[in-house]
């Protein structure tokens, strides 16, 4: 063949063009076929996830995560399926965590599931499921803390309660239980700080009962500590502790200890005042009032009011104060 022939050159050009066009068309057709096949895989994974959603959320999660993985490989043609998977995944992770909590699974399992749910909610931009997962995480840590508390493992209980409070600083149950731990450990300063924090978080109208309970516990603790210091004749310490107790309310027994301490310190004016406060609160019989009359009488003796002291010692002639009151009346030559 004469290649220099113009006609031959034209035939050759047409043949080459056909080769190129035909090859390109085959490539496009083949790629389209691959995309269709890959999308079918995405659809299959999606359908598996949809089928498992109600009965097996963990299996559904696996399938929908596979949808996202495959969609990223397939590209734009699978974006619709990817977006659907993204929308349902945060709810499924949350469901796994909620189920663990509702079924009372071990606290460590609940915490792990809630952390995963929160991370996935953030990854897939679901603010609602992130917040709800956080609530389960709080409950998981609180469950763990309560278990440690019941086992008297106070070190780990404190750590778990602190984890709760890091997530929710207003979790009043954790604050109160921390206060009880400090009370049980006789850590007075930490107990006072924590019970005061608890009281500051309460709603005065809705939480009146909780406030009463907490104040009662604090008053009782510091009153007992003040009484112990008084018995050891550590009078300044006793007054300091009783003053801390008084911050949480009035109490007749606390007033008795105040009167006793002040009388021992020869502060008979305050001794008499606190004995009278105790009497004012005591609604019981003569024997119940004897302790206050005894302290009042001691204060009256100290102030030089013998006549009044004789009458008060007379009112103290009951129960455990009877013998001491009788001896005092003898010493005073009461009629």
Protein backbone atom coordinates (compact mmCIF):
# COMPACT_ATOMS: atom_id res chain seq x y z
CA UNK A 1 0.00 0.00 0.00
CA UNK A 2 1.18 3.45 -0.90
CA UNK A 3 1.16 5.40 2.27
CA UNK A 4 1.74 8.59 0.45
CA UNK A 5 -1.62 8.26 -1.25
CA UNK A 6 -3.97 10.89 0.22
CA UNK A 7 -6.88 8.48 0.03
CA UNK A 8 -5.03 5.91 2.08
CA UNK A 9 -4.17 8.53 4.67
CA UNK A 10 -7.86 9.42 5.01
CA UNK A 11 -8.84 5.77 5.50
CA UNK A 12 -6.13 5.32 8.09
CA UNK A 13 -7.30 8.36 10.03
CA UNK A 14 -10.85 7.09 10.20
CA UNK A 15 -9.71 3.70 11.42
CA UNK A 16 -7.60 5.23 14.23
CA UNK A 17 -10.42 7.44 15.32
CA UNK A 18 -12.77 4.48 15.55
CA UNK A 19 -10.25 2.64 17.73
CA UNK A 20 -9.98 5.53 20.17
CA UNK A 21 -13.72 6.20 20.37
CA UNK A 22 -14.61 2.56 20.76
CA UNK A 23 -12.05 2.09 23.54
CA UNK A 24 -13.35 5.14 25.40
CA UNK A 25 -16.92 3.96 25.14
CA UNK A 26 -15.95 0.56 26.56
CA UNK A 27 -14.16 2.19 29.46
CA UNK A 28 -17.15 4.35 30.34
CA UNK A 29 -19.51 1.39 30.08
CA UNK A 30 -17.22 -0.74 32.24
CA UNK A 31 -16.92 1.98 34.90
CA UNK A 32 -20.67 2.46 34.94
CA UNK A 33 -21.05 -1.22 35.44
CA UNK A 34 -18.63 -1.19 38.38
CA UNK A 35 -20.40 1.75 40.00
CA UNK A 36 -23.73 0.03 39.69
CA UNK A 37 -22.30 -3.12 41.20
CA UNK A 38 -20.67 -1.21 44.09
CA UNK A 39 -23.86 0.75 44.80
CA UNK A 40 -25.69 -2.55 45.01
CA UNK A 41 -23.24 -3.57 47.75
CA UNK A 42 -24.01 -0.35 49.59
CA UNK A 43 -27.73 -0.99 49.23
CA UNK A 44 -27.30 -4.52 50.56
CA UNK A 45 -25.41 -3.26 53.59
CA UNK A 46 -28.02 -0.59 54.17
CA UNK A 47 -30.87 -3.11 53.99
CA UNK A 48 -29.09 -5.36 56.48
CA UNK A 49 -28.81 -2.43 58.86
CA UNK A 50 -32.43 -1.43 58.45
CA UNK A 51 -33.54 -5.00 59.13
CA UNK A 52 -31.49 -5.24 62.32
CA UNK A 53 -32.34 -1.82 63.76
CA UNK A 54 -35.17 -2.92 66.06
CA UNK A 55 -33.85 -6.27 67.25
CA UNK A 56 -30.07 -5.99 67.16
CA UNK A 57 -28.75 -2.40 67.26
CA UNK A 58 -25.13 -3.56 67.48
CA UNK A 59 -25.49 -5.52 64.22
CA UNK A 60 -27.26 -2.53 62.69
CA UNK A 61 -24.34 -0.30 63.68
CA UNK A 62 -21.90 -2.65 61.95
CA UNK A 63 -23.99 -2.59 58.77
CA UNK A 64 -24.48 1.17 58.67
CA UNK A 65 -20.80 1.80 59.36
CA UNK A 66 -20.12 -0.48 56.39
CA UNK A 67 -22.53 1.64 54.33
CA UNK A 68 -20.44 4.72 55.07
CA UNK A 69 -17.18 2.92 54.31
CA UNK A 70 -18.44 1.56 50.99
CA UNK A 71 -20.07 4.86 50.04
CA UNK A 72 -16.79 6.68 50.42
CA UNK A 73 -15.26 4.25 47.92
CA UNK A 74 -18.13 4.39 45.46
CA UNK A 75 -18.40 8.14 45.52
CA UNK A 76 -21.22 10.50 44.66
CA UNK A 77 -23.66 7.89 43.44
CA UNK A 78 -23.91 6.45 46.98
CA UNK A 79 -24.08 9.72 48.89
CA UNK A 80 -27.81 9.38 49.52
CA UNK A 81 -27.29 6.08 51.35
CA UNK A 82 -24.35 7.47 53.27
CA UNK A 83 -26.43 10.39 54.54
CA UNK A 84 -29.20 8.07 55.66
CA UNK A 85 -26.70 5.94 57.57
CA UNK A 86 -25.20 9.04 59.19
CA UNK A 87 -28.66 10.08 60.37
CA UNK A 88 -29.49 6.79 62.10
CA UNK A 89 -26.11 5.84 63.59
CA UNK A 90 -26.09 8.27 66.57
CA UNK A 91 -29.47 6.96 67.67
CA UNK A 92 -28.29 3.37 67.46
CA UNK A 93 -25.18 4.03 69.53
CA UNK A 94 -27.36 5.80 72.08
CA UNK A 95 -29.78 2.86 72.10
CA UNK A 96 -26.93 0.46 72.93
CA UNK A 97 -25.89 2.66 75.86
CA UNK A 98 -29.47 3.13 77.09
CA UNK A 99 -30.11 -0.60 76.90
CA UNK A 100 -27.00 -1.32 78.96
CA UNK A 101 -28.22 1.09 81.63
CA UNK A 102 -31.84 -0.10 81.64
CA UNK A 103 -30.75 -3.72 81.85
CA UNK A 104 -28.51 -2.86 84.82
CA UNK A 105 -25.33 -4.00 83.14
CA UNK A 106 -22.03 -3.53 85.05
CA UNK A 107 -21.25 0.13 85.51
CA UNK A 108 -18.02 -0.15 83.51
CA UNK A 109 -20.00 -1.47 80.53
CA UNK A 110 -22.53 1.35 80.80
CA UNK A 111 -19.78 3.95 80.98
CA UNK A 112 -17.95 2.51 77.96
CA UNK A 113 -21.15 2.39 75.88
CA UNK A 114 -22.11 5.94 76.86
CA UNK A 115 -18.65 7.27 76.00
CA UNK A 116 -18.81 5.61 72.59
CA UNK A 117 -22.31 6.94 72.00
CA UNK A 118 -21.18 10.45 72.89
CA UNK A 119 -18.15 10.25 70.61
CA UNK A 120 -20.25 8.98 67.71
CA UNK A 121 -22.89 11.65 68.29
CA UNK A 122 -20.16 14.26 68.03
CA UNK A 123 -18.63 12.61 64.96
CA UNK A 124 -21.96 12.55 63.17
CA UNK A 125 -23.07 15.97 64.46
CA UNK A 126 -26.08 14.95 66.56
CA UNK A 127 -26.34 17.40 69.44
CA UNK A 128 -29.43 15.70 70.90
CA UNK A 129 -27.87 12.26 71.11
CA UNK A 130 -24.65 13.75 72.46
CA UNK A 131 -26.54 15.33 75.34
CA UNK A 132 -28.59 12.20 76.00
CA UNK A 133 -25.46 10.04 75.95
CA UNK A 134 -23.91 12.38 78.49
CA UNK A 135 -26.87 11.75 80.81
CA UNK A 136 -26.32 8.00 80.60
CA UNK A 137 -22.61 8.53 81.25
CA UNK A 138 -23.51 10.49 84.39
CA UNK A 139 -25.80 7.65 85.50
CA UNK A 140 -23.09 5.11 84.81
CA UNK A 141 -20.53 6.92 86.93
CA UNK A 142 -23.11 7.47 89.67
CA UNK A 143 -23.91 3.75 89.69
CA UNK A 144 -20.20 2.97 89.96
CA UNK A 145 -19.75 5.50 92.76
CA UNK A 146 -22.71 4.09 94.69
CA UNK A 147 -21.28 0.59 94.44
CA UNK A 148 -17.93 1.75 95.79
CA UNK A 149 -19.73 3.68 98.53
CA UNK A 150 -21.72 0.62 99.60
CA UNK A 151 -18.50 -1.38 99.76
CA UNK A 152 -16.88 1.34 101.93
CA UNK A 153 -14.31 1.87 99.17
CA UNK A 154 -14.33 5.60 99.78
CA UNK A 155 -11.27 6.49 97.71
CA UNK A 156 -12.74 5.08 94.50
CA UNK A 157 -16.20 6.35 95.41
CA UNK A 158 -14.86 9.91 95.63
CA UNK A 159 -13.18 9.52 92.22
CA UNK A 160 -16.40 8.26 90.65
CA UNK A 161 -18.52 10.99 92.25
CA UNK A 162 -16.02 13.55 90.98
CA UNK A 163 -16.42 12.11 87.47
CA UNK A 164 -20.17 12.68 87.79
CA UNK A 165 -19.64 16.24 88.97
CA UNK A 166 -17.22 17.01 86.16
CA UNK A 167 -20.02 16.19 83.74
CA UNK A 168 -22.80 17.71 85.83
CA UNK A 169 -21.71 20.08 88.62
CA UNK A 170 -25.33 20.29 89.83
CA UNK A 171 -25.72 16.56 90.50
CA UNK A 172 -26.85 17.03 94.10
CA UNK A 173 -26.96 13.32 94.99
CA UNK A 174 -23.24 13.01 94.26
CA UNK A 175 -22.46 16.11 96.30
CA UNK A 176 -24.46 14.80 99.26
CA UNK A 177 -22.86 11.38 99.13
CA UNK A 178 -19.40 12.95 99.01
CA UNK A 179 -20.36 14.88 102.15
CA UNK A 180 -21.36 11.62 103.85
CA UNK A 181 -18.00 10.10 102.98
CA UNK A 182 -16.18 13.02 104.59
CA UNK A 183 -18.49 12.70 107.61
CA UNK A 184 -17.74 8.98 107.93
CA UNK A 185 -14.03 9.74 107.67
CA UNK A 186 -14.34 12.48 110.29
CA UNK A 187 -12.94 15.05 107.88
CA UNK A 188 -14.76 18.01 109.38
CA UNK A 189 -13.60 20.77 107.03
CA UNK A 190 -14.32 18.81 103.84
CA UNK A 191 -17.66 17.71 105.25
CA UNK A 192 -18.71 21.25 106.06
CA UNK A 193 -17.60 22.61 102.67
CA UNK A 194 -19.39 19.85 100.78
CA UNK A 195 -22.63 19.98 102.77
CA UNK A 196 -22.69 23.77 102.32
CA UNK A 197 -22.22 23.29 98.57
CA UNK A 198 -25.09 20.80 98.58
CA UNK A 199 -27.36 23.24 100.41
CA UNK A 200 -26.47 26.02 97.97
CA UNK A 201 -27.63 23.87 95.04
CA UNK A 202 -31.09 23.16 96.46
CA UNK A 203 -34.30 24.84 95.43
CA UNK A 204 -35.75 26.33 98.65
CA UNK A 205 -39.31 25.54 97.58
CA UNK A 206 -38.89 22.11 96.00
CA UNK A 207 -36.06 20.70 98.11
CA UNK A 208 -37.10 21.70 101.62
CA UNK A 209 -37.03 18.09 102.84
CA UNK A 210 -33.52 17.53 101.46
CA UNK A 211 -32.33 20.74 103.12
CA UNK A 212 -33.79 19.68 106.46
CA UNK A 213 -32.11 16.28 106.23
CA UNK A 214 -28.72 17.77 105.30
CA UNK A 215 -28.83 20.44 107.99
CA UNK A 216 -29.82 17.82 110.55
CA UNK A 217 -26.88 15.62 109.61
CA UNK A 218 -24.43 18.53 109.81
CA UNK A 219 -25.82 19.80 113.12
CA UNK A 220 -25.68 16.33 114.64
CA UNK A 221 -22.09 15.80 113.46
CA UNK A 222 -20.72 19.06 114.83
CA UNK A 223 -22.80 18.82 118.02
CA UNK A 224 -21.36 15.38 118.72
CA UNK A 225 -17.85 16.63 117.98
CA UNK A 226 -18.42 19.58 120.31
CA UNK A 227 -19.67 17.29 123.07
CA UNK A 228 -16.59 15.08 122.68
CA UNK A 229 -14.28 18.09 122.94
CA UNK A 230 -16.19 19.28 126.00
CA UNK A 231 -15.76 15.91 127.68
CA UNK A 232 -12.02 16.15 127.01
CA UNK A 233 -12.10 19.62 128.60
CA UNK A 234 -11.02 21.21 125.30
CA UNK A 235 -13.42 24.06 125.85
CA UNK A 236 -12.32 26.40 123.06
CA UNK A 237 -12.47 23.54 120.53
CA UNK A 238 -15.89 22.59 121.90
CA UNK A 239 -17.22 26.12 121.42
CA UNK A 240 -15.85 26.29 117.89
CA UNK A 241 -17.49 23.00 116.96
CA UNK A 242 -20.80 23.89 118.60
CA UNK A 243 -20.76 27.21 116.75
CA UNK A 244 -20.39 25.31 113.48
CA UNK A 245 -23.32 23.12 114.51
CA UNK A 246 -25.45 26.19 115.24
CA UNK A 247 -25.04 27.31 111.63
CA UNK A 248 -27.47 24.56 110.65
CA UNK A 249 -30.29 25.38 113.06
CA UNK A 250 -31.46 25.44 116.68
CA UNK A 251 -31.29 22.34 118.81
CA UNK A 252 -32.04 21.92 122.50
CA UNK A 253 -29.25 19.40 123.13
CA UNK A 254 -26.75 21.67 121.41
CA UNK A 255 -27.92 24.50 123.68
CA UNK A 256 -27.31 22.28 126.72
CA UNK A 257 -23.70 21.71 125.63
CA UNK A 258 -23.23 25.43 125.00
CA UNK A 259 -24.48 26.14 128.54
CA UNK A 260 -22.19 23.51 130.03
CA UNK A 261 -19.10 24.83 128.18
CA UNK A 262 -19.80 28.46 129.04
CA UNK A 263 -20.37 27.57 132.69
CA UNK A 264 -17.05 25.72 132.77
CA UNK A 265 -15.41 28.83 131.31
CA UNK A 266 -17.07 30.91 134.06
CA UNK A 267 -19.07 32.80 131.44
CA UNK A 268 -22.25 32.46 133.46
CA UNK A 269 -24.24 35.03 131.51
CA UNK A 270 -23.98 33.00 128.31
CA UNK A 271 -24.33 29.79 130.31
CA UNK A 272 -27.67 30.94 131.67
CA UNK A 273 -28.81 32.24 128.27
CA UNK A 274 -28.17 28.93 126.52
CA UNK A 275 -29.74 26.92 129.36
CA UNK A 276 -32.87 29.03 128.96
CA UNK A 277 -32.83 28.52 125.16
CA UNK A 278 -32.80 24.78 125.77
CA UNK A 279 -35.69 25.06 128.21
CA UNK A 280 -37.68 27.08 125.71
CA UNK A 281 -37.35 24.28 123.14
CA UNK A 282 -37.96 21.38 125.52
CA UNK A 283 -41.63 20.36 125.46
CA UNK A 284 -41.20 17.18 127.50
CA UNK A 285 -41.89 16.39 131.15
CA UNK A 286 -40.03 17.52 134.26
CA UNK A 287 -37.35 14.87 133.87
CA UNK A 288 -36.66 16.01 130.28
CA UNK A 289 -36.26 19.59 131.50
CA UNK A 290 -33.98 18.69 134.44
CA UNK A 291 -30.76 18.93 132.40
CA UNK A 292 -31.47 22.52 131.42
CA UNK A 293 -32.52 23.54 134.90
CA UNK A 294 -29.29 22.09 136.23
CA UNK A 295 -27.14 24.21 133.89
CA UNK A 296 -29.29 27.26 134.60
CA UNK A 297 -28.75 26.72 138.31
CA UNK A 298 -24.98 26.42 137.89
CA UNK A 299 -24.98 29.72 136.01
CA UNK A 300 -27.13 31.35 138.67
CA UNK A 301 -24.72 30.19 141.38
CA UNK A 302 -21.86 31.69 139.43
CA UNK A 303 -23.73 34.97 139.14
CA UNK A 304 -24.41 34.98 142.90
CA UNK A 305 -28.18 34.50 142.64
CA UNK A 306 -28.56 31.78 145.31
CA UNK A 307 -32.31 31.96 145.64
CA UNK A 308 -32.85 31.46 141.93
CA UNK A 309 -30.24 28.68 141.90
CA UNK A 310 -32.02 26.83 144.71
CA UNK A 311 -35.28 26.93 142.75
CA UNK A 312 -33.57 25.77 139.53
CA UNK A 313 -31.77 22.91 141.31
CA UNK A 314 -35.14 21.90 142.75
CA UNK A 315 -36.48 21.63 139.19
CA UNK A 316 -33.44 19.51 138.32
CA UNK A 317 -34.17 16.82 140.92
CA UNK A 318 -35.07 14.22 138.29
CA UNK A 319 -33.40 11.35 136.51
CA UNK A 320 -29.60 11.41 136.16
CA UNK A 321 -29.40 14.97 137.57
CA UNK A 322 -31.27 14.23 140.80
CA UNK A 323 -28.27 13.27 142.95
CA UNK A 324 -26.06 16.16 141.80
CA UNK A 325 -28.89 18.67 142.17
CA UNK A 326 -29.62 17.43 145.69
CA UNK A 327 -25.96 17.81 146.67
CA UNK A 328 -25.90 21.34 145.27
CA UNK A 329 -29.01 22.30 147.25
CA UNK A 330 -27.36 20.95 150.37
CA UNK A 331 -24.22 22.99 149.74
CA UNK A 332 -26.31 26.11 149.14
CA UNK A 333 -28.42 25.37 152.24
CA UNK A 334 -31.55 25.64 150.17
CA UNK A 335 -34.86 25.40 152.06
